[in-house]
Protein backbone atom coordinates (compact mmCIF):
# COMPACT_ATOMS: atom_id res chain seq x y z
CA UNK A 1 -7.46 -5.03 -11.20
CA UNK A 2 -10.91 -6.21 -10.16
CA UNK A 3 -14.17 -4.38 -10.59
CA UNK A 4 -15.01 -1.76 -7.96
CA UNK A 5 -17.89 -3.82 -6.59
CA UNK A 6 -15.56 -6.78 -6.07
CA UNK A 7 -12.91 -4.73 -4.30
CA UNK A 8 -15.30 -2.77 -2.08
CA UNK A 9 -17.39 -5.69 -0.91
CA UNK A 10 -16.55 -5.01 2.72
CA UNK A 11 -16.98 -1.25 2.65
CA UNK A 12 -20.45 -1.23 4.16
CA UNK A 13 -19.30 -3.01 7.29
CA UNK A 14 -16.26 -0.81 7.60
CA UNK A 15 -18.38 2.32 7.43
CA UNK A 16 -20.15 1.17 10.60
CA UNK A 17 -16.93 0.81 12.52
CA UNK A 18 -16.35 3.93 14.65
CA UNK A 19 -13.21 3.07 16.57
CA UNK A 20 -9.94 4.57 15.48
CA UNK A 21 -6.69 3.28 16.98
CA UNK A 22 -4.18 6.01 17.57
CA UNK A 23 -0.94 5.70 15.64
CA UNK A 24 2.30 4.89 17.43
CA UNK A 25 5.30 7.15 17.58
CA UNK A 26 6.86 5.90 14.28
CA UNK A 27 4.69 8.10 12.14
CA UNK A 28 7.17 8.97 9.45
CA UNK A 29 5.83 12.54 9.38
CA UNK A 30 7.64 14.62 6.82
CA UNK A 31 9.46 17.71 8.07
CA UNK A 32 9.18 21.17 6.58
CA UNK A 33 12.53 20.96 4.76
CA UNK A 34 11.66 17.68 3.00
CA UNK A 35 8.20 18.97 2.15
CA UNK A 36 9.86 21.63 0.01
CA UNK A 37 11.81 19.10 -2.02
CA UNK A 38 10.62 18.43 -5.54
CA UNK A 39 10.84 14.95 -7.04
CA UNK A 40 14.23 15.62 -8.62
CA UNK A 41 15.77 17.04 -5.46
CA UNK A 42 14.41 14.22 -3.33
CA UNK A 43 15.78 11.65 -5.76
CA UNK A 44 19.25 13.19 -5.49
CA UNK A 45 19.04 13.11 -1.69
CA UNK A 46 18.30 9.38 -1.72
CA UNK A 47 21.58 8.09 -3.18
CA UNK A 48 22.57 4.54 -2.23
CA UNK A 49 24.63 4.43 0.95
CA UNK A 50 28.24 3.30 0.76
CA UNK A 51 27.54 0.35 3.06
CA UNK A 52 25.07 -1.14 0.58
CA UNK A 53 27.51 -0.67 -2.31
CA UNK A 54 30.21 -2.46 -0.34
CA UNK A 55 27.84 -5.30 0.45
CA UNK A 56 27.01 -5.66 -3.25
CA UNK A 57 30.70 -5.97 -4.07
CA UNK A 58 30.98 -8.70 -1.46
CA UNK A 59 28.06 -10.54 -3.05
CA UNK A 60 29.69 -10.20 -6.45
CA UNK A 61 32.87 -11.72 -5.08
CA UNK A 62 30.84 -14.65 -3.75
CA UNK A 63 29.82 -15.46 -7.28
CA UNK A 64 26.08 -14.73 -7.26
CA UNK A 65 23.77 -12.02 -8.54
CA UNK A 66 20.88 -11.18 -6.23
CA UNK A 67 17.71 -9.74 -7.70
CA UNK A 68 14.74 -8.38 -5.77
CA UNK A 69 11.39 -8.85 -7.44
CA UNK A 70 7.87 -7.98 -6.36
CA UNK A 71 4.47 -7.91 -7.97
CA UNK A 72 2.07 -5.00 -8.32
CA UNK A 73 3.10 -1.64 -6.85
CA UNK A 74 0.28 0.90 -6.79
CA UNK A 75 1.41 4.20 -5.33
CA UNK A 76 -1.56 6.06 -6.75
CA UNK A 77 -5.05 6.86 -5.51
CA UNK A 78 -5.11 6.60 -1.70
CA UNK A 79 -1.34 6.40 -1.27
CA UNK A 80 -0.87 9.44 -3.49
CA UNK A 81 -3.18 11.37 -1.16
CA UNK A 82 -0.97 10.91 1.91
CA UNK A 83 2.29 11.80 0.12
CA UNK A 84 3.55 15.41 0.13
CA UNK A 85 2.08 16.42 -3.24
CA UNK A 86 -1.39 14.88 -3.35
CA UNK A 87 -2.95 15.00 -6.80
CA UNK A 88 -6.54 15.52 -7.85
CA UNK A 89 -8.51 13.00 -5.74
CA UNK A 90 -11.46 12.74 -8.12
CA UNK A 91 -12.21 9.20 -9.30
CA UNK A 92 -14.48 7.66 -11.91
CA UNK A 93 -15.42 4.55 -9.94
CA UNK A 94 -18.97 3.36 -9.54
CA UNK A 95 -18.72 3.15 -5.74
CA UNK A 96 -16.12 5.73 -4.72
CA UNK A 97 -15.76 9.26 -6.06
CA UNK A 98 -12.65 10.39 -4.21
CA UNK A 99 -9.25 8.83 -3.56
CA UNK A 100 -9.46 10.28 -0.06
CA UNK A 101 -12.07 7.64 0.71
CA UNK A 102 -9.39 4.94 0.48
CA UNK A 103 -7.37 6.80 3.10
CA UNK A 104 -10.37 6.84 5.42
CA UNK A 105 -10.97 3.10 4.91
CA UNK A 106 -7.37 2.29 5.83
CA UNK A 107 -7.57 4.52 8.91
CA UNK A 108 -10.78 2.86 10.06
CA UNK A 109 -9.05 -0.50 9.79
CA UNK A 110 -5.73 0.21 11.50
CA UNK A 111 -5.51 3.76 12.80
CA UNK A 112 -4.65 7.27 11.78
CA UNK A 113 -2.16 7.89 8.95
CA UNK A 114 0.04 10.95 9.51
CA UNK A 115 -0.19 13.36 6.62
CA UNK A 116 1.85 14.20 4.74
CA UNK A 117 4.20 11.24 5.13
CA UNK A 118 7.84 11.09 4.11
CA UNK A 119 8.57 9.72 0.65
CA UNK A 120 10.02 6.49 2.11
CA UNK A 121 7.24 5.99 4.67
CA UNK A 122 5.14 3.55 2.65
CA UNK A 123 8.02 1.09 2.18
CA UNK A 124 8.33 0.61 5.93
CA UNK A 125 10.14 -2.59 6.89
CA UNK A 126 10.98 -3.35 3.27
CA UNK A 127 13.69 -0.70 3.58
CA UNK A 128 15.47 -2.76 6.24
CA UNK A 129 15.14 -5.95 4.18
CA UNK A 130 16.64 -4.25 1.14
CA UNK A 131 19.56 -2.88 3.12
CA UNK A 132 20.25 -6.18 4.86
CA UNK A 133 19.88 -8.46 1.83
CA UNK A 134 21.43 -5.92 -0.57
CA UNK A 135 20.06 -6.98 -3.97
CA UNK A 136 22.00 -6.01 -7.07
CA UNK A 137 18.78 -4.81 -8.71
CA UNK A 138 15.22 -4.07 -7.58
CA UNK A 139 12.46 -4.82 -10.08
CA UNK A 140 8.69 -4.33 -9.65
CA UNK A 141 5.54 -4.04 -11.74
CA UNK A 142 4.39 -0.41 -11.49
CA UNK A 143 0.62 -0.23 -11.86
CA UNK A 144 0.23 3.49 -11.45
CA UNK A 145 0.38 6.27 -14.04
CA UNK A 146 2.54 9.19 -12.90
CA UNK A 147 0.58 12.10 -14.29
CA UNK A 148 -1.72 15.06 -13.79
CA UNK A 149 -3.70 14.11 -16.88
CA UNK A 150 -7.48 14.27 -16.48
CA UNK A 151 -8.18 12.17 -19.59
CA UNK A 152 -9.48 9.04 -17.86
CA UNK A 153 -9.55 6.01 -20.15
CA UNK A 154 -13.15 5.25 -21.13
CA UNK A 155 -14.89 2.01 -20.18
CA UNK A 156 -12.52 1.31 -17.30
CA UNK A 157 -13.84 0.91 -13.78
CA UNK A 158 -10.63 1.87 -11.97
CA UNK A 159 -7.95 4.45 -12.78
CA UNK A 160 -4.67 4.79 -10.90
CA UNK A 161 -2.46 7.89 -10.92
CA UNK A 162 0.02 9.63 -8.68
CA UNK A 163 1.25 13.20 -8.90
CA UNK A 164 4.63 13.49 -10.69
CA UNK A 165 6.10 15.33 -7.71
CA UNK A 166 5.40 12.19 -5.64
CA UNK A 167 7.62 10.08 -7.91
CA UNK A 168 10.29 10.64 -5.25
CA UNK A 169 8.43 7.87 -3.40
CA UNK A 170 9.72 5.41 -6.01
CA UNK A 171 13.20 6.88 -5.80
CA UNK A 172 13.08 6.39 -2.03
CA UNK A 173 12.73 2.63 -2.64
CA UNK A 174 15.81 2.79 -4.90
CA UNK A 175 13.97 0.86 -7.57
CA UNK A 176 16.12 0.01 -10.56
CA UNK A 177 13.44 -0.98 -13.07
CA UNK A 178 9.67 -0.92 -13.44
CA UNK A 179 7.70 -3.23 -15.70
CA UNK A 180 4.96 -1.17 -17.36
CA UNK A 181 3.10 -3.60 -19.65
CA UNK A 182 0.02 -3.81 -17.45
CA UNK A 183 -3.64 -2.82 -17.35
CA UNK A 184 -3.20 0.55 -15.60
CA UNK A 185 -0.30 2.33 -17.29
CA UNK A 186 -2.69 3.95 -19.82
CA UNK A 187 -5.46 4.69 -17.32
CA UNK A 188 -5.01 8.39 -18.09
CA UNK A 189 -4.50 8.15 -21.82
CA UNK A 190 -1.50 8.65 -24.03
CA UNK A 191 -0.65 11.94 -22.33
CA UNK A 192 -0.59 10.12 -18.99
CA UNK A 193 1.72 7.46 -20.42
CA UNK A 194 4.11 10.05 -21.85
CA UNK A 195 4.26 11.84 -18.50
CA UNK A 196 4.86 8.52 -16.71
CA UNK A 197 7.82 7.71 -18.94
CA UNK A 198 9.28 11.19 -18.47
CA UNK A 199 8.83 11.01 -14.69
CA UNK A 200 10.66 7.69 -14.44
CA UNK A 201 13.43 8.97 -16.67
CA UNK A 202 13.70 12.05 -14.48
CA UNK A 203 14.39 10.03 -11.31
CA UNK A 204 16.67 7.54 -13.02
CA UNK A 205 14.43 4.45 -12.89
CA UNK A 206 14.63 2.26 -15.99
CA UNK A 207 11.42 0.91 -17.50
CA UNK A 208 10.22 -1.54 -20.10
CA UNK A 209 6.98 -2.73 -21.65
CA UNK A 210 5.41 0.60 -22.60
CA UNK A 211 6.55 3.38 -24.85
CA UNK A 212 5.80 6.08 -27.37
CA UNK A 213 5.93 3.43 -30.10
CA UNK A 214 6.38 -0.33 -30.41
CA UNK A 215 10.16 -0.17 -30.65
CA UNK A 216 10.39 1.74 -27.37
CA UNK A 217 7.87 -0.56 -25.66
CA UNK A 218 9.91 -3.60 -26.73
CA UNK A 219 13.24 -2.20 -25.59
CA UNK A 220 14.40 -3.91 -22.40
CA UNK A 221 15.55 -2.05 -19.33
CA UNK A 222 19.32 -2.47 -19.11
CA UNK A 223 20.69 -2.63 -15.57
CA UNK A 224 24.50 -2.73 -15.24
CA UNK A 225 25.94 -5.06 -12.61
CA UNK A 226 28.90 -4.20 -10.38
CA UNK A 227 30.62 -7.44 -11.37
CA UNK A 228 30.15 -6.73 -15.10
CA UNK A 229 27.37 -7.71 -17.43
CA UNK A 230 23.81 -6.49 -17.23
CA UNK A 231 20.30 -7.52 -16.27
CA UNK A 232 17.97 -7.12 -19.25
CA UNK A 233 14.37 -6.70 -18.11
CA UNK A 234 11.67 -7.29 -20.71
CA UNK A 235 8.05 -6.50 -19.91
CA UNK A 236 5.06 -8.03 -21.69
CA UNK A 237 1.33 -7.97 -21.04
CA UNK A 238 -1.52 -10.31 -21.87
CA UNK A 239 -5.18 -9.49 -22.38
CA UNK A 240 -5.90 -12.23 -19.80
CA UNK A 241 -4.93 -9.65 -17.14
CA UNK A 242 -7.48 -7.12 -18.36
CA UNK A 243 -5.25 -5.08 -20.67
CA UNK A 244 -7.47 -3.69 -23.46
CA UNK A 245 -6.36 -4.91 -26.88
CA UNK A 246 -6.48 -1.28 -28.05
CA UNK A 247 -3.57 -0.48 -25.72
CA UNK A 248 -1.10 -2.39 -27.86
CA UNK A 249 1.73 -0.16 -29.09
CA UNK A 250 2.02 0.34 -32.84
CA UNK A 251 4.89 1.23 -35.10
CA UNK A 252 4.09 4.92 -34.61
CA UNK A 253 1.56 4.88 -31.74
CA UNK A 254 2.06 4.72 -27.95
CA UNK A 255 1.08 1.70 -25.90
CA UNK A 256 2.26 -1.49 -24.25
CA UNK A 257 4.14 -4.49 -25.57
CA UNK A 258 1.10 -6.75 -25.72
CA UNK A 259 1.59 -10.46 -26.39
CA UNK A 260 -0.55 -11.48 -29.38
CA UNK A 261 -0.90 -14.98 -27.91
CA UNK A 262 1.06 -17.58 -25.97
CA UNK A 263 2.10 -19.72 -28.91
CA UNK A 264 5.45 -21.15 -29.96
CA UNK A 265 5.67 -18.56 -32.73
CA UNK A 266 5.46 -15.74 -30.18
CA UNK A 267 8.22 -17.34 -28.10
CA UNK A 268 10.40 -17.65 -31.20
CA UNK A 269 9.89 -13.97 -32.00
CA UNK A 270 10.95 -13.06 -28.48
CA UNK A 271 13.96 -15.36 -28.74
CA UNK A 272 15.14 -13.50 -31.82
CA UNK A 273 14.94 -10.12 -30.10
CA UNK A 274 16.68 -11.40 -26.96
CA UNK A 275 19.48 -12.87 -29.04
CA UNK A 276 20.13 -9.51 -30.71
CA UNK A 277 20.18 -7.56 -27.42
CA UNK A 278 22.05 -10.00 -25.23
CA UNK A 279 25.78 -9.74 -24.60
CA UNK A 280 28.09 -12.20 -22.80
CA UNK A 281 27.51 -11.89 -19.05
CA UNK A 282 23.92 -10.62 -19.36
CA UNK A 283 21.00 -12.08 -17.40
CA UNK A 284 17.48 -11.90 -18.86
CA UNK A 285 14.28 -11.32 -16.86
CA UNK A 286 10.88 -11.78 -18.50
CA UNK A 287 8.31 -9.74 -16.56
CA UNK A 288 4.77 -10.70 -17.61
CA UNK A 289 1.41 -9.30 -16.53
CA UNK A 290 -1.05 -12.12 -17.12
CA UNK A 291 -3.92 -14.11 -15.71
CA UNK A 292 -6.84 -13.31 -13.40
CA UNK A 293 -6.69 -11.53 -10.05
CA UNK A 294 -7.88 -14.50 -7.99
CA UNK A 295 -7.41 -18.26 -8.01
CA UNK A 296 -4.57 -20.74 -7.49
CA UNK A 297 -4.75 -22.40 -10.89
CA UNK A 298 -2.00 -21.63 -13.40
CA UNK A 299 -3.45 -22.02 -16.88
CA UNK A 300 -1.61 -24.67 -18.93
CA UNK A 301 -0.84 -22.23 -21.75
CA UNK A 302 0.80 -19.81 -19.30
CA UNK A 303 2.91 -22.53 -17.73
CA UNK A 304 3.95 -23.81 -21.15
CA UNK A 305 4.81 -20.30 -22.36
CA UNK A 306 6.98 -19.64 -19.29
CA UNK A 307 8.82 -22.91 -19.80
CA UNK A 308 9.46 -22.19 -23.47
CA UNK A 309 10.80 -18.74 -22.63
CA UNK A 310 13.47 -20.53 -20.59
CA UNK A 311 14.07 -23.30 -23.10
CA UNK A 312 14.00 -21.37 -26.37
CA UNK A 313 14.42 -17.68 -25.61
CA UNK A 314 17.18 -18.09 -23.04
CA UNK A 315 15.25 -16.29 -20.28
CA UNK A 316 16.91 -16.72 -16.88
CA UNK A 317 13.96 -15.71 -14.69
CA UNK A 318 10.22 -15.37 -15.33
CA UNK A 319 8.60 -12.65 -13.21
CA UNK A 320 4.82 -13.10 -13.35
CA UNK A 321 2.21 -10.78 -11.84
CA UNK A 322 -1.46 -9.71 -11.98
CA UNK A 323 -2.82 -12.09 -9.33
CA UNK A 324 -3.56 -10.30 -6.05
CA UNK A 325 -1.91 -13.12 -4.13
CA UNK A 326 1.30 -15.12 -4.75
CA UNK A 327 1.12 -18.29 -6.84
CA UNK A 328 3.19 -21.45 -6.92
CA UNK A 329 6.88 -21.31 -7.84
CA UNK A 330 8.55 -23.51 -10.43
CA UNK A 331 12.19 -24.12 -11.38
CA UNK A 332 12.57 -25.04 -15.04
CA UNK A 333 15.95 -26.38 -16.14
CA UNK A 334 17.54 -24.58 -13.25
CA UNK A 335 15.78 -21.26 -13.83
CA UNK A 336 13.11 -19.80 -11.51
CA UNK A 337 9.57 -19.17 -12.71
CA UNK A 338 7.51 -16.92 -10.43
CA UNK A 339 4.09 -17.53 -11.93
CA UNK A 340 2.49 -14.78 -9.86
CA UNK A 341 4.12 -12.57 -7.24
CA UNK A 342 0.92 -11.03 -5.84
CA UNK A 343 0.38 -7.43 -4.78
CA UNK A 344 3.25 -5.69 -3.02
CA UNK A 345 2.10 -2.14 -2.22
CA UNK A 346 -1.53 -1.01 -2.62
CA UNK A 347 -4.23 1.17 -1.05
CA UNK A 348 -6.57 -1.82 -0.55
CA UNK A 349 -6.17 -1.76 3.22
CA UNK A 350 -9.50 -1.98 4.99
CA UNK A 351 -11.37 -3.45 2.02
CA UNK A 352 -12.98 -6.84 2.60
CA UNK A 353 -13.40 -9.82 0.28
CA UNK A 354 -11.44 -12.89 -0.87
CA UNK A 355 -10.08 -13.51 2.61
CA UNK A 356 -9.28 -17.13 1.69
CA UNK A 357 -6.40 -15.82 -0.44
CA UNK A 358 -5.03 -13.55 2.32
CA UNK A 359 -4.80 -10.43 0.12
CA UNK A 360 -3.61 -8.59 3.23
CA UNK A 361 -0.16 -10.16 2.75
CA UNK A 362 2.68 -9.19 0.42
CA UNK A 363 5.87 -11.02 -0.53
CA UNK A 364 9.27 -9.74 -1.62
CA UNK A 365 11.40 -12.24 -3.57
CA UNK A 366 15.20 -12.19 -3.24
CA UNK A 367 16.57 -14.46 -5.96
CA UNK A 368 20.24 -15.50 -6.19
CA UNK A 369 21.45 -16.49 -9.65
CA UNK A 370 24.75 -17.93 -10.84
CA UNK A 371 26.07 -15.11 -13.07
CA UNK A 372 27.48 -17.16 -15.93
CA UNK A 373 24.61 -19.63 -16.37
CA UNK A 374 21.74 -17.67 -14.83
CA UNK A 375 20.74 -20.76 -12.87
CA UNK A 376 19.06 -20.50 -9.50
CA UNK A 377 21.34 -20.70 -6.46
CA UNK A 378 18.82 -19.78 -3.77
CA UNK A 379 15.65 -17.81 -3.05
CA UNK A 380 14.50 -16.00 0.08
CA UNK A 381 10.89 -14.85 0.42
CA UNK A 382 10.18 -12.03 2.88
CA UNK A 383 6.48 -11.65 3.87
CA UNK A 384 4.96 -8.27 4.74
CA UNK A 385 1.54 -6.86 5.56
CA UNK A 386 0.25 -3.28 5.09
CA UNK A 387 -0.66 -1.19 8.10
CA UNK A 388 -1.62 2.48 7.67
CA UNK A 389 -0.24 2.40 4.09
CA UNK A 390 3.11 1.14 5.36
CA UNK A 391 4.69 -2.29 4.85
CA UNK A 392 5.34 -4.18 8.10
CA UNK A 393 6.93 -7.58 8.56
CA UNK A 394 4.18 -10.18 8.66
CA UNK A 395 3.39 -11.82 12.02
CA UNK A 396 4.29 -15.45 12.75
CA UNK A 397 0.84 -16.86 11.96
CA UNK A 398 0.81 -15.18 8.55
CA UNK A 399 4.31 -16.44 7.76
CA UNK A 400 3.24 -19.98 8.69
CA UNK A 401 0.13 -19.68 6.49
CA UNK A 402 2.20 -18.45 3.54
CA UNK A 403 4.73 -21.25 3.98
CA UNK A 404 2.04 -23.93 4.00
CA UNK A 405 0.06 -22.39 1.13
CA UNK A 406 2.98 -21.69 -1.20
CA UNK A 407 4.42 -25.13 -0.47
CA UNK A 408 1.08 -26.69 -1.38
CA UNK A 409 0.93 -24.74 -4.64
CA UNK A 410 4.61 -25.25 -5.54
CA UNK A 411 4.79 -28.98 -4.81
CA UNK A 412 3.06 -30.02 -8.07
CA UNK A 413 5.59 -27.82 -9.88
CA UNK A 414 8.56 -29.61 -8.31
CA UNK A 415 9.45 -27.05 -5.63
CA UNK A 416 8.94 -26.57 -1.89
CA UNK A 417 8.62 -23.48 0.28
CA UNK A 418 9.98 -23.84 3.81
CA UNK A 419 10.21 -21.58 6.88
CA UNK A 420 13.74 -20.20 7.10
CA UNK A 421 13.64 -18.46 10.48
CA UNK A 422 13.41 -14.76 11.29
CA UNK A 423 10.00 -14.60 9.64
CA UNK A 424 11.35 -15.51 6.18
CA UNK A 425 10.85 -18.40 3.78
CA UNK A 426 13.19 -20.25 1.44
CA UNK A 427 12.73 -22.29 -1.72
CA UNK A 428 13.86 -25.87 -2.26
CA UNK A 429 13.62 -27.59 -5.61
CA UNK A 430 14.64 -30.78 -7.36
CA UNK A 431 18.39 -30.56 -7.72
CA UNK A 432 18.69 -27.60 -5.35
CA UNK A 433 18.36 -26.66 -1.73
């Protein structure tokens, strides 16, 4: 995440804005009964509907596996404050001392946020997309510690946390796995990490990339598929994304699975571990937090590393994140490489700066893979934008901008992004549609 000064560049202007648009009728206000639910009870009440299960079986019979992937999900700080169990709002940022300030910024930008909101409120129109497109698994990068720890990591400008009782928000999205090897999972120390792992376990969301020791951090999330086989999700982090080197997990110490470098030797080590874990019928996802927050360029060593993961380690899909905006898409030997998925859910609403990258937009990636080879069959991109801490479908002009921009960035990588109708985009690549 960027420095506070970078992220709050537009705060001064926003403070001078005095108009507040009233919210519409779809407030998502939580009722008294739901307010009394704890995280565990809410998770149980959010079981997958039978219709979605039936649709997944139909997809399995069609011979494809559909994965949903998104970049950074930050349900802490401002978003945590509008959920039913708001945690301690105190921050250690140079420019903002309370998480409540991020709520006020979002309200100044787009109108009042009803408080408290229902656990599923923030996902907004993404809920409809998930139901309609029915992915077999939902995978995101979770950049928020789930903890009440007050032990803020020293020498960090930004710390994200959400109250454990608000973890039902993640259950409401029916997430299957969270990548944790990123630069915020240890924002509240080792106690915060331990509580995060326990909270995810408690609501039945698998995780990878961070653990109580190196072995646990390296263990992939294992997601069973209705058709048989599994999706193995590995999560790795790079110091290029701002992860402190001291956060690396040790043989007996907590931390993240931090890549030592992007060399061939590192790929070969990963290949050995994948080979041991993989069974016939498994698909392998490599989720990597790497690179800077801003900029279209994909460093040559990152591109080479992603390619070698496909070629040597047998990875079927590379899921990159850290950039605050989506990057170009590549298909290597039939396998998709998402170099950077951009932010998906944040509390940045109302904060100015970097408008040329359109950080106000978010993309959900629905990727269809052939189950026996793991090769790409098709990809649908669904654009969203945040309004009052809730994801809405992006308007036509934003969809057109994304199509043109992602096509421009993907073309040198051998792929094309095209409008697909209904406010969605599709991927074409050499040898594929």
